[in-house]
């Protein structure tokens, strides 16, 4: 009876662990995010940096002269992490905007960084297309889907950042008029 109970407990705990969402941040990055909570500019910079790190890691994997069999899976995971980080950035921008923080400067930086990210994603997609055409098929279906998800997250964030920046400029302009 104890063996059955222990086996059942083991199965249940494994199932719960399998259902836990993947955190795209390392423990050190989580600490940095926690420490930056009261400072929107710092938090935004961290998220952009973490997202950029994920894209650079994907580029390194894709440009390796001797790729290993697990590199494509790693690249897919890194692109998924990138998309999650961009979504988190977007959530933070919305929260800081609703809180009334002046985000004009950080938003301009976000838009510039996201333009660079878009160029890198486009280059990665071109590489994936080229590799697929050379193998006369689409063995990189998972990578293509991960690239598409990352691009969708980035485009959504970019549109949102532009809208928040326009609202910030309009709002801050009105505040300047009232101060005169």
C-alpha atoms as a PDB file:
ATOM      1  CA  UNK A   1       0.000   0.000   0.000  1.00  0.00           C
ATOM      2  CA  UNK A   2       2.824   2.416   0.846  1.00  0.00           C
ATOM      3  CA  UNK A   3       4.523   1.621  -2.452  1.00  0.00           C
ATOM      4  CA  UNK A   4       1.340   2.395  -4.376  1.00  0.00           C
ATOM      5  CA  UNK A   5       0.887   5.651  -2.458  1.00  0.00           C
ATOM      6  CA  UNK A   6       4.509   6.643  -3.090  1.00  0.00           C
ATOM      7  CA  UNK A   7       4.197   5.824  -6.790  1.00  0.00           C
ATOM      8  CA  UNK A   8       0.980   7.830  -7.040  1.00  0.00           C
ATOM      9  CA  UNK A   9       2.580  10.796  -5.275  1.00  0.00           C
ATOM     10  CA  UNK A  10       5.561  10.621  -7.627  1.00  0.00           C
ATOM     11  CA  UNK A  11       3.291  10.588 -10.691  1.00  0.00           C
ATOM     12  CA  UNK A  12       1.247  13.520  -9.402  1.00  0.00           C
ATOM     13  CA  UNK A  13       4.314  15.624  -8.641  1.00  0.00           C
ATOM     14  CA  UNK A  14       5.755  14.884 -12.093  1.00  0.00           C
ATOM     15  CA  UNK A  15       2.466  15.948 -13.695  1.00  0.00           C
ATOM     16  CA  UNK A  16       2.397  19.205 -11.762  1.00  0.00           C
ATOM     17  CA  UNK A  17       6.002  19.935 -12.743  1.00  0.00           C
ATOM     18  CA  UNK A  18       5.180  19.282 -16.398  1.00  0.00           C
ATOM     19  CA  UNK A  19       2.325  21.799 -16.249  1.00  0.00           C
ATOM     20  CA  UNK A  20       4.450  24.611 -14.797  1.00  0.00           C
ATOM     21  CA  UNK A  21       5.188  27.276 -17.406  1.00  0.00           C
ATOM     22  CA  UNK A  22       8.773  27.782 -18.548  1.00  0.00           C
ATOM     23  CA  UNK A  23      10.425  30.933 -17.174  1.00  0.00           C
ATOM     24  CA  UNK A  24      12.572  32.603 -19.827  1.00  0.00           C
ATOM     25  CA  UNK A  25      14.733  34.257 -17.163  1.00  0.00           C
ATOM     26  CA  UNK A  26      17.682  32.802 -15.306  1.00  0.00           C
ATOM     27  CA  UNK A  27      17.835  33.105 -11.512  1.00  0.00           C
ATOM     28  CA  UNK A  28      20.279  36.012 -11.808  1.00  0.00           C
ATOM     29  CA  UNK A  29      18.004  37.777 -14.294  1.00  0.00           C
ATOM     30  CA  UNK A  30      15.027  37.273 -11.975  1.00  0.00           C
ATOM     31  CA  UNK A  31      16.996  38.967  -9.186  1.00  0.00           C
ATOM     32  CA  UNK A  32      17.913  41.843 -11.485  1.00  0.00           C
ATOM     33  CA  UNK A  33      14.260  42.263 -12.465  1.00  0.00           C
ATOM     34  CA  UNK A  34      13.168  42.192  -8.843  1.00  0.00           C
ATOM     35  CA  UNK A  35      15.752  44.852  -7.945  1.00  0.00           C
ATOM     36  CA  UNK A  36      14.649  47.054 -10.846  1.00  0.00           C
ATOM     37  CA  UNK A  37      10.914  46.934 -10.044  1.00  0.00           C
ATOM     38  CA  UNK A  38      10.647  50.560  -8.858  1.00  0.00           C
ATOM     39  CA  UNK A  39      12.669  51.929 -11.805  1.00  0.00           C
ATOM     40  CA  UNK A  40      10.786  51.651 -15.126  1.00  0.00           C
ATOM     41  CA  UNK A  41      13.731  52.775 -17.248  1.00  0.00           C
ATOM     42  CA  UNK A  42      16.059  50.183 -15.719  1.00  0.00           C
ATOM     43  CA  UNK A  43      13.477  47.419 -16.001  1.00  0.00           C
ATOM     44  CA  UNK A  44      12.825  48.239 -19.652  1.00  0.00           C
ATOM     45  CA  UNK A  45      16.579  48.245 -20.349  1.00  0.00           C
ATOM     46  CA  UNK A  46      16.942  44.862 -18.667  1.00  0.00           C
ATOM     47  CA  UNK A  47      14.115  43.297 -20.663  1.00  0.00           C
ATOM     48  CA  UNK A  48      15.546  44.651 -23.913  1.00  0.00           C
ATOM     49  CA  UNK A  49      18.965  43.313 -22.960  1.00  0.00           C
ATOM     50  CA  UNK A  50      17.638  39.873 -22.059  1.00  0.00           C
ATOM     51  CA  UNK A  51      15.656  39.688 -25.305  1.00  0.00           C
ATOM     52  CA  UNK A  52      18.712  40.769 -27.284  1.00  0.00           C
ATOM     53  CA  UNK A  53      20.800  38.111 -25.552  1.00  0.00           C
ATOM     54  CA  UNK A  54      18.342  35.420 -26.653  1.00  0.00           C
ATOM     55  CA  UNK A  55      18.499  36.571 -30.268  1.00  0.00           C
ATOM     56  CA  UNK A  56      22.301  36.664 -30.206  1.00  0.00           C
ATOM     57  CA  UNK A  57      22.327  33.098 -28.847  1.00  0.00           C
ATOM     58  CA  UNK A  58      20.063  31.995 -31.713  1.00  0.00           C
ATOM     59  CA  UNK A  59      22.362  33.702 -34.217  1.00  0.00           C
ATOM     60  CA  UNK A  60      25.368  31.897 -32.722  1.00  0.00           C
ATOM     61  CA  UNK A  61      23.578  28.557 -32.999  1.00  0.00           C
ATOM     62  CA  UNK A  62      22.507  29.205 -36.584  1.00  0.00           C
ATOM     63  CA  UNK A  63      25.985  30.315 -37.682  1.00  0.00           C
ATOM     64  CA  UNK A  64      27.861  27.449 -36.017  1.00  0.00           C
ATOM     65  CA  UNK A  65      30.133  25.668 -38.479  1.00  0.00           C
ATOM     66  CA  UNK A  66      29.488  22.320 -36.806  1.00  0.00           C
ATOM     67  CA  UNK A  67      25.880  22.400 -35.542  1.00  0.00           C
ATOM     68  CA  UNK A  68      24.849  19.685 -33.129  1.00  0.00           C
ATOM     69  CA  UNK A  69      21.622  17.738 -33.424  1.00  0.00           C
ATOM     70  CA  UNK A  70      19.993  19.666 -30.577  1.00  0.00           C
ATOM     71  CA  UNK A  71      20.785  23.139 -31.904  1.00  0.00           C
ATOM     72  CA  UNK A  72      17.483  23.545 -33.714  1.00  0.00           C
ATOM     73  CA  UNK A  73      15.553  22.678 -30.568  1.00  0.00           C
ATOM     74  CA  UNK A  74      17.695  25.113 -28.571  1.00  0.00           C
ATOM     75  CA  UNK A  75      17.069  27.820 -31.171  1.00  0.00           C
ATOM     76  CA  UNK A  76      13.310  27.192 -30.964  1.00  0.00           C
ATOM     77  CA  UNK A  77      13.442  27.450 -27.153  1.00  0.00           C
ATOM     78  CA  UNK A  78      15.480  30.655 -27.308  1.00  0.00           C
ATOM     79  CA  UNK A  79      13.043  32.191 -29.785  1.00  0.00           C
ATOM     80  CA  UNK A  80      10.187  31.209 -27.469  1.00  0.00           C
ATOM     81  CA  UNK A  81      12.016  32.903 -24.598  1.00  0.00           C
ATOM     82  CA  UNK A  82      12.543  35.976 -26.790  1.00  0.00           C
ATOM     83  CA  UNK A  83       8.811  36.145 -27.551  1.00  0.00           C
ATOM     84  CA  UNK A  84       7.951  35.799 -23.846  1.00  0.00           C
ATOM     85  CA  UNK A  85      10.404  38.566 -22.931  1.00  0.00           C
ATOM     86  CA  UNK A  86       8.955  40.877 -25.579  1.00  0.00           C
ATOM     87  CA  UNK A  87       5.451  40.129 -24.268  1.00  0.00           C
ATOM     88  CA  UNK A  88       6.671  40.899 -20.728  1.00  0.00           C
ATOM     89  CA  UNK A  89       8.201  44.156 -21.968  1.00  0.00           C
ATOM     90  CA  UNK A  90       4.884  45.051 -23.569  1.00  0.00           C
ATOM     91  CA  UNK A  91       3.003  44.294 -20.322  1.00  0.00           C
ATOM     92  CA  UNK A  92       5.445  46.455 -18.377  1.00  0.00           C
ATOM     93  CA  UNK A  93       5.084  49.354 -20.814  1.00  0.00           C
ATOM     94  CA  UNK A  94       1.307  49.236 -20.455  1.00  0.00           C
ATOM     95  CA  UNK A  95       1.504  49.083 -16.656  1.00  0.00           C
ATOM     96  CA  UNK A  96       3.965  51.979 -16.426  1.00  0.00           C
ATOM     97  CA  UNK A  97       1.862  54.016 -18.834  1.00  0.00           C
ATOM     98  CA  UNK A  98      -1.303  53.439 -16.791  1.00  0.00           C
ATOM     99  CA  UNK A  99       0.644  54.420 -13.678  1.00  0.00           C
ATOM    100  CA  UNK A 100       1.442  57.759 -15.286  1.00  0.00           C
ATOM    101  CA  UNK A 101       5.211  57.384 -15.682  1.00  0.00           C
ATOM    102  CA  UNK A 102       6.896  59.531 -18.348  1.00  0.00           C
ATOM    103  CA  UNK A 103       7.993  56.913 -20.863  1.00  0.00           C
ATOM    104  CA  UNK A 104       8.887  59.075 -23.840  1.00  0.00           C
ATOM    105  CA  UNK A 105      12.650  58.470 -23.654  1.00  0.00           C
ATOM    106  CA  UNK A 106      12.470  54.735 -22.831  1.00  0.00           C
ATOM    107  CA  UNK A 107       9.849  54.198 -25.563  1.00  0.00           C
ATOM    108  CA  UNK A 108      12.102  55.753 -28.182  1.00  0.00           C
ATOM    109  CA  UNK A 109      14.823  53.362 -27.072  1.00  0.00           C
ATOM    110  CA  UNK A 110      12.377  50.432 -27.191  1.00  0.00           C
ATOM    111  CA  UNK A 111      11.366  51.316 -30.747  1.00  0.00           C
ATOM    112  CA  UNK A 112      14.992  51.501 -31.842  1.00  0.00           C
ATOM    113  CA  UNK A 113      15.869  48.195 -30.181  1.00  0.00           C
ATOM    114  CA  UNK A 114      12.791  46.497 -31.615  1.00  0.00           C
ATOM    115  CA  UNK A 115      13.743  47.685 -35.117  1.00  0.00           C
ATOM    116  CA  UNK A 116      17.110  45.979 -34.633  1.00  0.00           C
ATOM    117  CA  UNK A 117      15.397  42.839 -33.347  1.00  0.00           C
ATOM    118  CA  UNK A 118      13.170  42.819 -36.432  1.00  0.00           C
ATOM    119  CA  UNK A 119      16.205  42.940 -38.707  1.00  0.00           C
ATOM    120  CA  UNK A 120      17.749  39.989 -36.867  1.00  0.00           C
ATOM    121  CA  UNK A 121      14.538  37.963 -37.046  1.00  0.00           C
ATOM    122  CA  UNK A 122      14.246  38.674 -40.754  1.00  0.00           C
ATOM    123  CA  UNK A 123      17.834  37.530 -41.299  1.00  0.00           C
ATOM    124  CA  UNK A 124      17.191  34.365 -39.275  1.00  0.00           C
ATOM    125  CA  UNK A 125      14.036  33.650 -41.281  1.00  0.00           C
ATOM    126  CA  UNK A 126      16.005  34.089 -44.518  1.00  0.00           C
ATOM    127  CA  UNK A 127      18.626  31.620 -43.262  1.00  0.00           C
ATOM    128  CA  UNK A 128      15.936  29.124 -42.291  1.00  0.00           C
ATOM    129  CA  UNK A 129      14.264  29.464 -45.709  1.00  0.00           C
ATOM    130  CA  UNK A 130      17.596  28.995 -47.469  1.00  0.00           C
ATOM    131  CA  UNK A 131      18.404  25.897 -45.411  1.00  0.00           C
ATOM    132  CA  UNK A 132      14.939  24.448 -46.067  1.00  0.00           C
ATOM    133  CA  UNK A 133      15.267  24.988 -49.819  1.00  0.00           C
ATOM    134  CA  UNK A 134      18.687  23.314 -49.837  1.00  0.00           C
ATOM    135  CA  UNK A 135      17.234  20.213 -48.205  1.00  0.00           C
ATOM    136  CA  UNK A 136      14.261  20.155 -50.634  1.00  0.00           C
ATOM    137  CA  UNK A 137      11.744  20.176 -47.855  1.00  0.00           C
ATOM    138  CA  UNK A 138      10.888  21.844 -44.608  1.00  0.00           C
ATOM    139  CA  UNK A 139      12.697  19.989 -41.842  1.00  0.00           C
ATOM    140  CA  UNK A 140      12.773  23.239 -39.879  1.00  0.00           C
ATOM    141  CA  UNK A 141       9.043  23.523 -39.356  1.00  0.00           C
ATOM    142  CA  UNK A 142       9.486  24.070 -35.613  1.00  0.00           C
ATOM    143  CA  UNK A 143      12.036  26.806 -36.160  1.00  0.00           C
ATOM    144  CA  UNK A 144       9.804  28.524 -38.714  1.00  0.00           C
ATOM    145  CA  UNK A 145       6.904  28.456 -36.244  1.00  0.00           C
ATOM    146  CA  UNK A 146       9.121  29.824 -33.456  1.00  0.00           C
ATOM    147  CA  UNK A 147      10.332  32.605 -35.767  1.00  0.00           C
ATOM    148  CA  UNK A 148       6.755  33.440 -36.687  1.00  0.00           C
ATOM    149  CA  UNK A 149       5.696  33.584 -33.018  1.00  0.00           C
ATOM    150  CA  UNK A 150       8.669  35.787 -32.143  1.00  0.00           C
ATOM    151  CA  UNK A 151       7.917  38.089 -35.068  1.00  0.00           C
ATOM    152  CA  UNK A 152       4.238  38.323 -34.086  1.00  0.00           C
ATOM    153  CA  UNK A 153       5.153  39.233 -30.493  1.00  0.00           C
ATOM    154  CA  UNK A 154       7.619  41.827 -31.709  1.00  0.00           C
ATOM    155  CA  UNK A 155       5.174  43.408 -34.169  1.00  0.00           C
ATOM    156  CA  UNK A 156       2.466  43.595 -31.508  1.00  0.00           C
ATOM    157  CA  UNK A 157       4.858  45.161 -29.010  1.00  0.00           C
ATOM    158  CA  UNK A 158       6.096  47.632 -31.588  1.00  0.00           C
ATOM    159  CA  UNK A 159       2.569  48.761 -32.450  1.00  0.00           C
ATOM    160  CA  UNK A 160       1.753  49.109 -28.758  1.00  0.00           C
ATOM    161  CA  UNK A 161       4.946  51.066 -28.039  1.00  0.00           C
ATOM    162  CA  UNK A 162       4.172  53.464 -30.888  1.00  0.00           C
ATOM    163  CA  UNK A 163       0.646  54.011 -29.559  1.00  0.00           C
ATOM    164  CA  UNK A 164       1.857  54.583 -26.001  1.00  0.00           C
ATOM    165  CA  UNK A 165       4.533  57.005 -27.246  1.00  0.00           C
ATOM    166  CA  UNK A 166       1.963  58.977 -29.258  1.00  0.00           C
ATOM    167  CA  UNK A 167      -0.291  59.172 -26.184  1.00  0.00           C
ATOM    168  CA  UNK A 168       2.672  60.208 -24.012  1.00  0.00           C
ATOM    169  CA  UNK A 169       3.649  62.989 -26.417  1.00  0.00           C
ATOM    170  CA  UNK A 170       0.072  64.221 -26.585  1.00  0.00           C
ATOM    171  CA  UNK A 171      -0.342  64.059 -22.798  1.00  0.00           C
ATOM    172  CA  UNK A 172       2.991  65.654 -21.937  1.00  0.00           C
ATOM    173  CA  UNK A 173       2.387  68.366 -24.516  1.00  0.00           C
ATOM    174  CA  UNK A 174      -0.908  69.202 -22.822  1.00  0.00           C
ATOM    175  CA  UNK A 175       0.837  69.347 -19.432  1.00  0.00           C
ATOM    176  CA  UNK A 176       3.373  71.830 -20.821  1.00  0.00           C
ATOM    177  CA  UNK A 177       0.529  74.034 -22.127  1.00  0.00           C
ATOM    178  CA  UNK A 178      -1.142  74.093 -18.718  1.00  0.00           C
ATOM    179  CA  UNK A 179       2.100  74.995 -16.959  1.00  0.00           C
ATOM    180  CA  UNK A 180       2.495  78.194 -19.004  1.00  0.00           C
END
